[in-house]
Amino acid sequence: MEKPILTEPGVKYFMNQVLKQCNEQRYIFTNTVFNLVLFLIFILIIGGFLYYKYRGKLTPEEKEAKFREQKQDILSRLNSLNVKIESSRRNNGVGGSKTNLITDLPLWDVSSSDVIVNPYKL
């Protein structure tokens, strides 16, 4: 006995084509949404990086203020170091006029020291 056909031949073909078309539309929609989400993430990353680089730069006024502050800090440190050196000289009893060297070494007076004679000189 022959199998009964419960649908018309055109209905089976129509349903297959409709399902294929729905699958293609769903694929296009998901692909488009995925691409848009990745594009937005990419734009956010690039925008965040550029914003970070822009915010990191100082304006000319800020640069000048920072330079003046650094200069003032260096000058105050040098001044405090100079005050310490002067006070240590006064405390040690060493005259300020003879020891103006950076290392506070006493000056070497050639006339009062023993002169080494070269023994190889005839």
C-alpha atoms as a PDB file:
ATOM      1  CA  MET A   1       0.000   0.000   0.000  1.00  0.00           C
ATOM      2  CA  GLU A   2       1.162   3.489  -0.734  1.00  0.00           C
ATOM      3  CA  LYS A   3       1.973   6.045   1.939  1.00  0.00           C
ATOM      4  CA  PRO A   4      -0.641   8.730   2.166  1.00  0.00           C
ATOM      5  CA  ILE A   5       0.482  12.282   1.418  1.00  0.00           C
ATOM      6  CA  LEU A   6      -1.134  14.618   3.927  1.00  0.00           C
ATOM      7  CA  THR A   7       0.041  17.891   2.375  1.00  0.00           C
ATOM      8  CA  GLU A   8       0.015  19.173  -1.111  1.00  0.00           C
ATOM      9  CA  PRO A   9       3.363  19.045  -2.938  1.00  0.00           C
ATOM     10  CA  GLY A  10       3.679  22.842  -3.128  1.00  0.00           C
ATOM     11  CA  VAL A  11       3.157  23.312   0.632  1.00  0.00           C
ATOM     12  CA  LYS A  12       6.240  21.252   1.535  1.00  0.00           C
ATOM     13  CA  TYR A  13       8.401  23.253  -0.881  1.00  0.00           C
ATOM     14  CA  PHE A  14       6.912  26.559   0.385  1.00  0.00           C
ATOM     15  CA  MET A  15       7.608  25.697   4.049  1.00  0.00           C
ATOM     16  CA  ASN A  16      11.229  24.713   3.297  1.00  0.00           C
ATOM     17  CA  GLN A  17      11.842  27.981   1.450  1.00  0.00           C
ATOM     18  CA  VAL A  18      10.221  30.051   4.218  1.00  0.00           C
ATOM     19  CA  LEU A  19      12.395  28.339   6.846  1.00  0.00           C
ATOM     20  CA  LYS A  20      15.543  28.948   4.763  1.00  0.00           C
ATOM     21  CA  GLN A  21      14.625  32.600   4.353  1.00  0.00           C
ATOM     22  CA  CYS A  22      13.958  32.993   8.104  1.00  0.00           C
ATOM     23  CA  ASN A  23      17.320  31.380   8.862  1.00  0.00           C
ATOM     24  CA  GLU A  24      19.116  33.771   6.491  1.00  0.00           C
ATOM     25  CA  GLN A  25      17.369  36.801   8.030  1.00  0.00           C
ATOM     26  CA  ARG A  26      18.233  35.639  11.556  1.00  0.00           C
ATOM     27  CA  TYR A  27      21.873  35.112  10.516  1.00  0.00           C
ATOM     28  CA  ILE A  28      22.066  38.601   8.957  1.00  0.00           C
ATOM     29  CA  PHE A  29      20.457  40.180  12.041  1.00  0.00           C
ATOM     30  CA  THR A  30      22.769  38.464  14.549  1.00  0.00           C
ATOM     31  CA  ASN A  31      25.808  39.223  12.391  1.00  0.00           C
ATOM     32  CA  THR A  32      24.837  42.915  12.151  1.00  0.00           C
ATOM     33  CA  VAL A  33      24.218  43.215  15.896  1.00  0.00           C
ATOM     34  CA  PHE A  34      27.521  41.485  16.680  1.00  0.00           C
ATOM     35  CA  ASN A  35      29.433  43.782  14.304  1.00  0.00           C
ATOM     36  CA  LEU A  36      27.800  46.902  15.775  1.00  0.00           C
ATOM     37  CA  VAL A  37      28.632  45.841  19.336  1.00  0.00           C
ATOM     38  CA  LEU A  38      32.270  45.173  18.415  1.00  0.00           C
ATOM     39  CA  PHE A  39      32.455  48.511  16.576  1.00  0.00           C
ATOM     40  CA  LEU A  40      31.101  50.359  19.630  1.00  0.00           C
ATOM     41  CA  ILE A  41      33.597  48.598  21.905  1.00  0.00           C
ATOM     42  CA  PHE A  42      36.407  49.531  19.504  1.00  0.00           C
ATOM     43  CA  ILE A  43      35.275  53.176  19.416  1.00  0.00           C
ATOM     44  CA  LEU A  44      35.067  53.279  23.226  1.00  0.00           C
ATOM     45  CA  ILE A  45      38.585  51.867  23.596  1.00  0.00           C
ATOM     46  CA  ILE A  46      40.071  54.299  21.058  1.00  0.00           C
ATOM     47  CA  GLY A  47      38.121  57.218  22.546  1.00  0.00           C
ATOM     48  CA  GLY A  48      39.220  56.310  26.069  1.00  0.00           C
ATOM     49  CA  PHE A  49      42.847  56.098  24.992  1.00  0.00           C
ATOM     50  CA  LEU A  50      42.703  59.463  23.221  1.00  0.00           C
ATOM     51  CA  TYR A  51      40.942  61.071  26.192  1.00  0.00           C
ATOM     52  CA  TYR A  52      43.599  59.694  28.544  1.00  0.00           C
ATOM     53  CA  LYS A  53      46.394  61.064  26.334  1.00  0.00           C
ATOM     54  CA  TYR A  54      44.659  64.449  26.039  1.00  0.00           C
ATOM     55  CA  ARG A  55      44.096  64.782  29.791  1.00  0.00           C
ATOM     56  CA  GLY A  56      47.727  63.860  30.482  1.00  0.00           C
ATOM     57  CA  LYS A  57      49.152  66.921  28.727  1.00  0.00           C
ATOM     58  CA  LEU A  58      49.696  70.109  30.697  1.00  0.00           C
ATOM     59  CA  THR A  59      48.626  73.505  29.451  1.00  0.00           C
ATOM     60  CA  PRO A  60      51.382  76.109  28.950  1.00  0.00           C
ATOM     61  CA  GLU A  61      50.303  77.881  32.154  1.00  0.00           C
ATOM     62  CA  GLU A  62      50.500  74.634  34.126  1.00  0.00           C
ATOM     63  CA  LYS A  63      53.917  73.887  32.612  1.00  0.00           C
ATOM     64  CA  GLU A  64      55.187  77.322  33.641  1.00  0.00           C
ATOM     65  CA  ALA A  65      53.802  76.937  37.172  1.00  0.00           C
ATOM     66  CA  LYS A  66      55.391  73.498  37.502  1.00  0.00           C
ATOM     67  CA  PHE A  67      58.733  74.848  36.257  1.00  0.00           C
ATOM     68  CA  ARG A  68      58.609  77.745  38.748  1.00  0.00           C
ATOM     69  CA  GLU A  69      57.752  75.334  41.561  1.00  0.00           C
ATOM     70  CA  GLN A  70      60.660  73.031  40.672  1.00  0.00           C
ATOM     71  CA  LYS A  71      63.020  75.991  40.422  1.00  0.00           C
ATOM     72  CA  GLN A  72      61.879  77.315  43.801  1.00  0.00           C
ATOM     73  CA  ASP A  73      62.283  73.855  45.352  1.00  0.00           C
ATOM     74  CA  ILE A  74      65.841  73.488  44.020  1.00  0.00           C
ATOM     75  CA  LEU A  75      66.794  76.975  45.197  1.00  0.00           C
ATOM     76  CA  SER A  76      65.372  76.336  48.670  1.00  0.00           C
ATOM     77  CA  ARG A  77      67.291  73.057  48.934  1.00  0.00           C
ATOM     78  CA  LEU A  78      70.528  74.754  47.870  1.00  0.00           C
ATOM     79  CA  ASN A  79      69.913  77.556  50.345  1.00  0.00           C
ATOM     80  CA  SER A  80      69.269  75.123  53.213  1.00  0.00           C
ATOM     81  CA  LEU A  81      72.405  73.170  52.273  1.00  0.00           C
ATOM     82  CA  ASN A  82      74.426  76.384  52.258  1.00  0.00           C
ATOM     83  CA  VAL A  83      73.070  77.288  55.708  1.00  0.00           C
ATOM     84  CA  LYS A  84      74.051  73.835  57.022  1.00  0.00           C
ATOM     85  CA  ILE A  85      77.568  74.170  55.610  1.00  0.00           C
ATOM     86  CA  GLU A  86      78.009  77.644  57.095  1.00  0.00           C
ATOM     87  CA  SER A  87      76.772  76.511  60.503  1.00  0.00           C
ATOM     88  CA  SER A  88      79.075  73.472  60.476  1.00  0.00           C
ATOM     89  CA  ARG A  89      82.020  75.733  59.608  1.00  0.00           C
ATOM     90  CA  ARG A  90      81.212  78.021  62.511  1.00  0.00           C
ATOM     91  CA  ASN A  91      80.821  75.063  64.872  1.00  0.00           C
ATOM     92  CA  ASN A  92      84.121  73.505  63.805  1.00  0.00           C
ATOM     93  CA  GLY A  93      85.997  76.743  64.293  1.00  0.00           C
ATOM     94  CA  VAL A  94      87.334  76.758  60.763  1.00  0.00           C
ATOM     95  CA  GLY A  95      87.658  80.172  59.184  1.00  0.00           C
ATOM     96  CA  GLY A  96      85.261  80.825  56.362  1.00  0.00           C
ATOM     97  CA  SER A  97      87.806  82.644  54.214  1.00  0.00           C
ATOM     98  CA  LYS A  98      90.247  79.740  53.961  1.00  0.00           C
ATOM     99  CA  THR A  99      87.767  76.932  53.288  1.00  0.00           C
ATOM    100  CA  ASN A 100      85.579  78.070  50.448  1.00  0.00           C
ATOM    101  CA  LEU A 101      85.998  74.765  48.669  1.00  0.00           C
ATOM    102  CA  ILE A 102      83.000  72.524  48.084  1.00  0.00           C
ATOM    103  CA  THR A 103      84.547  69.631  50.003  1.00  0.00           C
ATOM    104  CA  ASP A 104      85.630  71.754  53.006  1.00  0.00           C
ATOM    105  CA  LEU A 105      89.194  70.541  52.605  1.00  0.00           C
ATOM    106  CA  PRO A 106      91.836  72.903  53.947  1.00  0.00           C
ATOM    107  CA  LEU A 107      93.958  74.695  51.400  1.00  0.00           C
ATOM    108  CA  TRP A 108      97.403  73.226  50.825  1.00  0.00           C
ATOM    109  CA  ASP A 109     100.103  75.750  51.450  1.00  0.00           C
ATOM    110  CA  VAL A 110     103.153  74.726  49.407  1.00  0.00           C
ATOM    111  CA  SER A 111     105.567  77.038  51.211  1.00  0.00           C
ATOM    112  CA  SER A 112     104.943  75.494  54.624  1.00  0.00           C
ATOM    113  CA  SER A 113     104.875  71.838  53.578  1.00  0.00           C
ATOM    114  CA  ASP A 114     107.808  69.591  52.917  1.00  0.00           C
ATOM    115  CA  VAL A 115     108.710  69.591  49.267  1.00  0.00           C
ATOM    116  CA  ILE A 116     109.499  66.163  47.913  1.00  0.00           C
ATOM    117  CA  VAL A 117     112.730  66.208  45.990  1.00  0.00           C
ATOM    118  CA  ASN A 118     112.956  64.019  42.929  1.00  0.00           C
ATOM    119  CA  PRO A 119     115.774  61.526  43.697  1.00  0.00           C
ATOM    120  CA  TYR A 120     116.330  60.792  40.003  1.00  0.00           C
ATOM    121  CA  LYS A 121     117.070  64.366  39.162  1.00  0.00           C
ATOM    122  CA  LEU A 122     120.814  65.020  38.856  1.00  0.00           C
END
